Amino acid sequence: MQGFLNLNKPAGLTSHDCVARLRRLLKTKRIGHGGTLDPAATGVLPIAVGRATRLLQYLSHEKAYCATIRFGITTTTDDLEGDILTQAAAPQLALDLIQQKLPQFQGTIQQIPPSFSAIQVGGKRLYELARAGEAVEAPVRTVEIHQIEIVNWQPGDFPELTVNIACGTGTYIRSIARDLGAALGTGATLAALSRTASSGFLRQDSLTLETVAAQLEAKTLTLTPPEMALQHLPHLTLTDLPAKRWQQGQRIDWQEITDPSPSLSPTSYQIQQANGQFLGIGQIIETEVSRALIPKLVWQEAE
């Protein structure tokens, strides 16, 4: 089996736990995931099976979440899994005040990851250092928040805001919850999180572990082929002879490409044969006198 699986991760399992279970179910060790989800979080976890693990780096980095933020509480982990640091009722908090603050969390922003996160500092992950009682300042990261849309507002002593967030890779939703609470002066923590989309995979199309097991038993499980998972990449098409040479690691002159893209850059291209068969990932190289396509990843070598 070669391709991608859109897994709906349940709460209580780590992303690594899910990979371990799928290795047993699919009877293969060659499985990887396309972006960690915290154990308490649910939703889309892209899974690569077989040779598709080599393509994980080329998946789209765009993600979307549905998050519930609880105000009046701060925790060590910036979600309800951690120990409470502060707790003070905030019945005075109104939705219009939150709406005034949300724009500062959209666009290109600077974000400090949670102390309990998988980011490495000095060769160790932040959560390992935090558990050891070592106070380490997490490195500031630049992240892209495309949109924050309010879904629901529940007032009360510890009011809750539910939002849809569309963002780029590396974004910590826990940090948004924490920083929004700080900006409002009430404190806040993440109360619930579900990833609704990741790398082009949608939650409504995802499969639970139980469904995967049932479909395997019924021999109906199908994986998403690479050409579908990589639709965000620009395409280049090769006819039979150039395709075979490209699969053998040779460079292809620009004149031999049947659908040259108008936008050239050092980015990655999805390479296909004229019959639509996925060949791999290529890159354009350009000199003063020539332009050519070279292989970055060959999906399957030519026979």
Protein backbone atom coordinates (compact mmCIF):
# COMPACT_ATOMS: atom_id res chain seq x y z
CA MET A 1 0.00 0.00 0.00
CA GLN A 2 1.40 3.34 -1.10
CA GLY A 3 -0.33 6.67 -0.52
CA PHE A 4 -2.00 8.85 2.09
CA LEU A 5 -4.64 8.21 4.74
CA ASN A 6 -6.81 10.94 6.23
CA LEU A 7 -7.01 9.86 9.87
CA ASN A 8 -9.40 11.38 12.42
CA LYS A 9 -7.22 11.31 15.53
CA PRO A 10 -9.15 10.63 18.75
CA ALA A 11 -8.55 12.46 22.02
CA GLY A 12 -6.17 10.74 24.42
CA LEU A 13 -3.73 9.38 21.84
CA THR A 14 -0.51 11.01 20.70
CA SER A 15 0.22 11.27 17.00
CA HIS A 16 2.93 8.65 17.54
CA ASP A 17 0.36 6.34 19.17
CA CYS A 18 -1.77 6.59 16.04
CA VAL A 19 1.19 5.77 13.80
CA ALA A 20 2.03 2.75 15.99
CA ARG A 21 -1.54 1.43 15.75
CA LEU A 22 -1.64 1.90 11.99
CA ARG A 23 1.65 0.05 11.62
CA ARG A 24 0.04 -2.94 13.28
CA LEU A 25 -3.19 -2.63 11.30
CA LEU A 26 -1.52 -2.16 7.91
CA LYS A 27 1.31 -4.58 8.74
CA THR A 28 4.03 -2.18 7.65
CA LYS A 29 6.67 -0.15 9.48
CA ARG A 30 6.89 2.50 6.78
CA ILE A 31 4.30 4.96 8.09
CA GLY A 32 4.64 8.61 9.09
CA HIS A 33 2.37 11.54 9.89
CA GLY A 34 2.14 15.04 8.45
CA GLY A 35 1.96 17.23 11.54
CA THR A 36 1.71 16.50 15.27
CA LEU A 37 -1.53 16.96 17.16
CA ASP A 38 -1.52 17.29 20.95
CA PRO A 39 -2.92 14.23 22.78
CA ALA A 40 -6.07 16.11 23.88
CA ALA A 41 -6.75 17.40 20.36
CA THR A 42 -8.80 15.58 17.74
CA GLY A 43 -9.21 15.80 14.00
CA VAL A 44 -7.22 15.52 10.80
CA LEU A 45 -3.87 13.75 11.00
CA PRO A 46 -2.45 13.11 7.51
CA ILE A 47 -0.77 9.70 7.37
CA ALA A 48 1.73 8.59 4.72
CA VAL A 49 2.06 4.89 3.96
CA GLY A 50 4.93 3.14 2.17
CA ARG A 51 6.92 5.24 -0.30
CA ALA A 52 4.56 8.17 0.36
CA THR A 53 6.54 8.87 3.56
CA ARG A 54 9.15 10.42 1.26
CA LEU A 55 6.53 12.93 0.11
CA LEU A 56 5.52 14.27 3.55
CA GLN A 57 7.81 17.28 3.18
CA TYR A 58 5.97 18.31 0.00
CA LEU A 59 2.46 18.40 1.48
CA SER A 60 0.71 21.74 1.76
CA HIS A 61 1.45 23.55 5.04
CA GLU A 62 -2.03 25.05 5.36
CA LYS A 63 -4.12 24.00 8.38
CA ALA A 64 -7.45 24.89 9.98
CA TYR A 65 -8.77 24.38 13.50
CA CYS A 66 -11.88 24.77 15.58
CA ALA A 67 -10.78 25.94 19.03
CA THR A 68 -12.58 26.75 22.27
CA ILE A 69 -10.85 29.27 24.53
CA ARG A 70 -11.76 29.55 28.21
CA PHE A 71 -11.11 32.90 29.92
CA GLY A 72 -10.23 33.51 33.55
CA ILE A 73 -7.78 30.59 33.79
CA THR A 74 -4.11 30.15 32.93
CA THR A 75 -2.26 26.83 33.04
CA THR A 76 1.28 25.49 32.76
CA THR A 77 0.59 23.95 29.36
CA ASP A 78 -1.75 26.67 28.01
CA ASP A 79 -4.55 24.09 27.82
CA LEU A 80 -6.67 22.18 30.34
CA GLU A 81 -4.15 19.33 30.49
CA GLY A 82 -1.81 21.41 32.64
CA ASP A 83 -1.78 22.60 36.22
CA ILE A 84 -3.73 25.78 36.96
CA LEU A 85 -1.50 28.81 37.47
CA THR A 86 -4.18 31.46 38.00
CA GLN A 87 -7.94 31.35 38.27
CA ALA A 88 -10.19 34.37 38.60
CA ALA A 89 -13.76 34.70 37.37
CA ALA A 90 -14.23 37.13 34.46
CA PRO A 91 -18.01 37.68 34.15
CA GLN A 92 -17.37 41.24 32.95
CA LEU A 93 -15.74 40.07 29.73
CA ALA A 94 -17.84 40.98 26.70
CA LEU A 95 -17.65 39.74 23.13
CA ASP A 96 -17.12 43.23 21.68
CA LEU A 97 -13.92 43.58 23.72
CA ILE A 98 -12.62 40.32 22.25
CA GLN A 99 -13.53 41.43 18.74
CA GLN A 100 -11.37 44.53 19.24
CA LYS A 101 -8.34 42.40 20.14
CA LEU A 102 -8.62 39.62 17.54
CA PRO A 103 -7.13 41.60 14.61
CA GLN A 104 -3.74 41.70 16.36
CA PHE A 105 -3.63 37.90 16.14
CA GLN A 106 -4.15 37.78 12.37
CA GLY A 107 -1.66 38.13 9.57
CA THR A 108 2.08 37.62 10.06
CA ILE A 109 2.66 37.63 13.82
CA GLN A 110 5.35 36.78 16.35
CA GLN A 111 4.44 33.91 18.64
CA ILE A 112 6.08 32.27 21.65
CA PRO A 113 5.34 28.52 21.72
CA PRO A 114 3.99 26.93 24.92
CA SER A 115 6.54 25.78 27.49
CA PHE A 116 5.19 22.27 27.01
CA SER A 117 5.79 21.75 23.29
CA ALA A 118 7.91 19.59 21.02
CA ILE A 119 10.22 22.41 19.92
CA GLN A 120 13.88 21.66 20.59
CA VAL A 121 16.20 23.96 22.52
CA GLY A 122 19.78 22.83 22.99
CA GLY A 123 18.95 19.37 21.63
CA LYS A 124 16.10 18.77 24.08
CA ARG A 125 12.37 19.25 23.62
CA LEU A 126 10.71 22.01 25.61
CA TYR A 127 8.31 19.61 27.34
CA GLU A 128 11.27 17.51 28.55
CA LEU A 129 12.93 20.60 30.02
CA ALA A 130 9.66 21.80 31.55
CA ARG A 131 9.02 18.43 33.20
CA ALA A 132 12.55 18.53 34.61
CA GLY A 133 11.79 21.91 36.18
CA GLU A 134 14.21 23.82 33.95
CA ALA A 135 13.07 27.32 33.05
CA VAL A 136 13.91 27.80 29.37
CA GLU A 137 12.71 30.67 27.22
CA ALA A 138 11.02 29.34 24.10
CA PRO A 139 12.30 30.89 20.85
CA VAL A 140 9.98 33.41 19.22
CA ARG A 141 8.53 32.19 15.92
CA THR A 142 7.00 33.99 12.96
CA VAL A 143 3.68 32.39 11.96
CA GLU A 144 0.87 33.13 9.53
CA ILE A 145 -2.72 33.42 10.77
CA HIS A 146 -4.95 33.79 7.72
CA GLN A 147 -8.31 34.11 9.46
CA ILE A 148 -9.99 33.91 12.86
CA GLU A 149 -13.75 33.54 12.66
CA ILE A 150 -15.99 33.62 15.74
CA VAL A 151 -18.32 30.60 15.91
CA ASN A 152 -19.83 30.84 19.38
CA TRP A 153 -19.69 32.96 22.53
CA GLN A 154 -20.73 31.65 25.93
CA PRO A 155 -20.69 34.31 28.70
CA GLY A 156 -20.36 33.45 32.38
CA ASP A 157 -17.87 33.47 35.23
CA PHE A 158 -15.40 31.64 32.99
CA PRO A 159 -16.66 32.58 29.53
CA GLU A 160 -15.74 30.55 26.44
CA LEU A 161 -15.12 31.61 22.87
CA THR A 162 -15.20 29.14 19.99
CA VAL A 163 -13.37 30.17 16.83
CA ASN A 164 -12.33 28.76 13.48
CA ILE A 165 -8.68 29.48 12.73
CA ALA A 166 -6.98 29.11 9.35
CA CYS A 167 -3.19 29.26 9.59
CA GLY A 168 0.16 28.17 8.25
CA THR A 169 2.58 25.60 9.60
CA GLY A 170 4.16 25.96 13.04
CA THR A 171 1.24 27.84 14.59
CA TYR A 172 0.34 26.98 18.18
CA ILE A 173 -3.35 27.49 18.89
CA ARG A 174 -2.58 27.19 22.61
CA SER A 175 -0.38 30.28 22.28
CA ILE A 176 -3.19 32.22 20.64
CA ALA A 177 -5.50 31.34 23.55
CA ARG A 178 -2.87 32.31 26.12
CA ASP A 179 -1.94 35.58 24.42
CA LEU A 180 -5.55 36.62 23.79
CA GLY A 181 -6.28 36.16 27.49
CA ALA A 182 -3.23 38.23 28.37
CA ALA A 183 -4.28 41.00 25.97
CA LEU A 184 -7.71 41.13 27.63
CA GLY A 185 -6.27 41.05 31.15
CA THR A 186 -8.29 37.98 32.15
CA GLY A 187 -5.94 35.18 31.27
CA ALA A 188 -7.10 32.28 29.10
CA THR A 189 -6.33 28.72 28.18
CA LEU A 190 -7.30 26.34 25.39
CA ALA A 191 -10.31 24.26 26.43
CA ALA A 192 -10.83 22.16 23.28
CA LEU A 193 -9.21 21.77 19.87
CA SER A 194 -10.06 19.93 16.67
CA ARG A 195 -8.10 20.17 13.43
CA THR A 196 -10.64 20.56 10.66
CA ALA A 197 -8.20 20.59 7.75
CA SER A 198 -4.54 19.82 7.14
CA SER A 199 -2.51 19.65 3.93
CA GLY A 200 -5.66 19.53 1.82
CA PHE A 201 -7.32 16.77 3.87
CA LEU A 202 -10.69 17.63 5.47
CA ARG A 203 -12.20 16.40 8.73
CA GLN A 204 -15.50 15.44 7.07
CA ASP A 205 -13.59 12.97 4.86
CA SER A 206 -11.41 11.52 7.64
CA LEU A 207 -11.49 7.96 8.96
CA THR A 208 -11.35 6.81 12.56
CA LEU A 209 -8.99 4.01 13.59
CA GLU A 210 -12.04 1.78 13.98
CA THR A 211 -13.20 2.57 10.45
CA VAL A 212 -9.74 1.85 9.06
CA ALA A 213 -9.75 -1.53 10.81
CA ALA A 214 -13.23 -2.34 9.50
CA GLN A 215 -12.35 -1.35 5.93
CA LEU A 216 -9.20 -3.44 6.07
CA GLU A 217 -11.25 -6.40 7.22
CA ALA A 218 -13.69 -5.84 4.36
CA LYS A 219 -10.82 -5.17 1.91
CA THR A 220 -12.35 -1.80 0.96
CA LEU A 221 -9.67 0.56 2.30
CA THR A 222 -8.21 2.84 -0.38
CA LEU A 223 -5.41 5.35 0.05
CA THR A 224 -5.22 8.81 -1.49
CA PRO A 225 -2.68 8.71 -4.35
CA PRO A 226 0.23 11.18 -4.37
CA GLU A 227 -1.06 13.17 -7.34
CA MET A 228 -4.20 14.05 -5.36
CA ALA A 229 -2.41 14.82 -2.09
CA LEU A 230 0.01 17.10 -3.95
CA GLN A 231 -2.54 19.00 -6.03
CA HIS A 232 -1.29 22.31 -4.59
CA LEU A 233 2.01 21.90 -6.44
CA PRO A 234 2.32 23.19 -10.02
CA HIS A 235 2.32 20.41 -12.63
CA LEU A 236 4.71 19.60 -15.43
CA THR A 237 4.05 16.83 -17.96
CA LEU A 238 6.58 14.65 -19.77
CA THR A 239 6.00 12.41 -22.77
CA ASP A 240 7.16 8.78 -22.63
CA LEU A 241 10.83 9.06 -23.60
CA PRO A 242 11.68 12.17 -21.50
CA ALA A 243 9.69 10.62 -18.64
CA LYS A 244 11.83 7.49 -18.70
CA ARG A 245 15.05 9.50 -18.79
CA TRP A 246 13.84 11.70 -15.92
CA GLN A 247 13.04 8.59 -13.85
CA GLN A 248 16.62 7.48 -14.45
CA GLY A 249 17.88 10.70 -12.85
CA GLN A 250 18.62 12.65 -16.02
CA ARG A 251 17.90 16.32 -16.58
CA ILE A 252 15.27 17.24 -19.15
CA ASP A 253 15.65 20.25 -21.44
CA TRP A 254 12.85 22.78 -21.22
CA GLN A 255 11.82 22.19 -24.84
CA GLU A 256 10.88 18.60 -23.97
CA ILE A 257 8.23 19.63 -21.42
CA THR A 258 4.74 19.63 -22.90
CA ASP A 259 3.07 22.11 -20.53
CA PRO A 260 5.71 24.57 -19.29
CA SER A 261 4.47 26.59 -16.34
CA PRO A 262 4.41 30.36 -16.81
CA SER A 263 5.63 30.90 -13.25
CA LEU A 264 9.17 29.65 -12.80
CA SER A 265 10.83 29.51 -9.42
CA PRO A 266 13.05 27.18 -7.36
CA THR A 267 9.90 25.62 -5.95
CA SER A 268 8.89 21.97 -6.30
CA TYR A 269 6.84 20.69 -9.23
CA GLN A 270 4.67 17.61 -9.45
CA ILE A 271 5.88 15.65 -12.47
CA GLN A 272 3.43 13.54 -14.43
CA GLN A 273 3.54 11.42 -17.55
CA ALA A 274 1.21 12.29 -20.42
CA ASN A 275 -1.18 9.53 -19.28
CA GLY A 276 -1.49 11.17 -15.84
CA GLN A 277 0.83 8.77 -14.03
CA PHE A 278 2.64 10.37 -11.09
CA LEU A 279 6.42 10.33 -11.59
CA GLY A 280 7.73 12.32 -8.65
CA ILE A 281 8.94 15.78 -7.66
CA GLY A 282 11.12 17.94 -9.87
CA GLN A 283 12.85 21.29 -9.78
CA ILE A 284 13.69 23.84 -12.47
CA ILE A 285 17.30 24.92 -12.84
CA GLU A 286 18.14 27.91 -14.98
CA THR A 287 21.37 29.35 -16.31
CA GLU A 288 22.08 32.24 -18.64
CA VAL A 289 21.83 29.97 -21.67
CA SER A 290 19.51 27.10 -20.72
CA ARG A 291 16.64 25.91 -18.59
CA ALA A 292 16.05 22.33 -17.48
CA LEU A 293 14.06 20.08 -15.19
CA ILE A 294 15.94 17.90 -12.70
CA PRO A 295 14.63 15.18 -10.35
CA LYS A 296 14.31 15.90 -6.63
CA LEU A 297 12.38 12.74 -5.83
CA VAL A 298 11.64 9.89 -8.23
CA TRP A 299 8.50 8.03 -7.15
CA GLN A 300 9.38 4.89 -9.05
CA GLU A 301 12.40 4.23 -11.19
CA ALA A 302 11.86 3.40 -14.84
CA GLU A 303 11.95 -0.26 -15.73
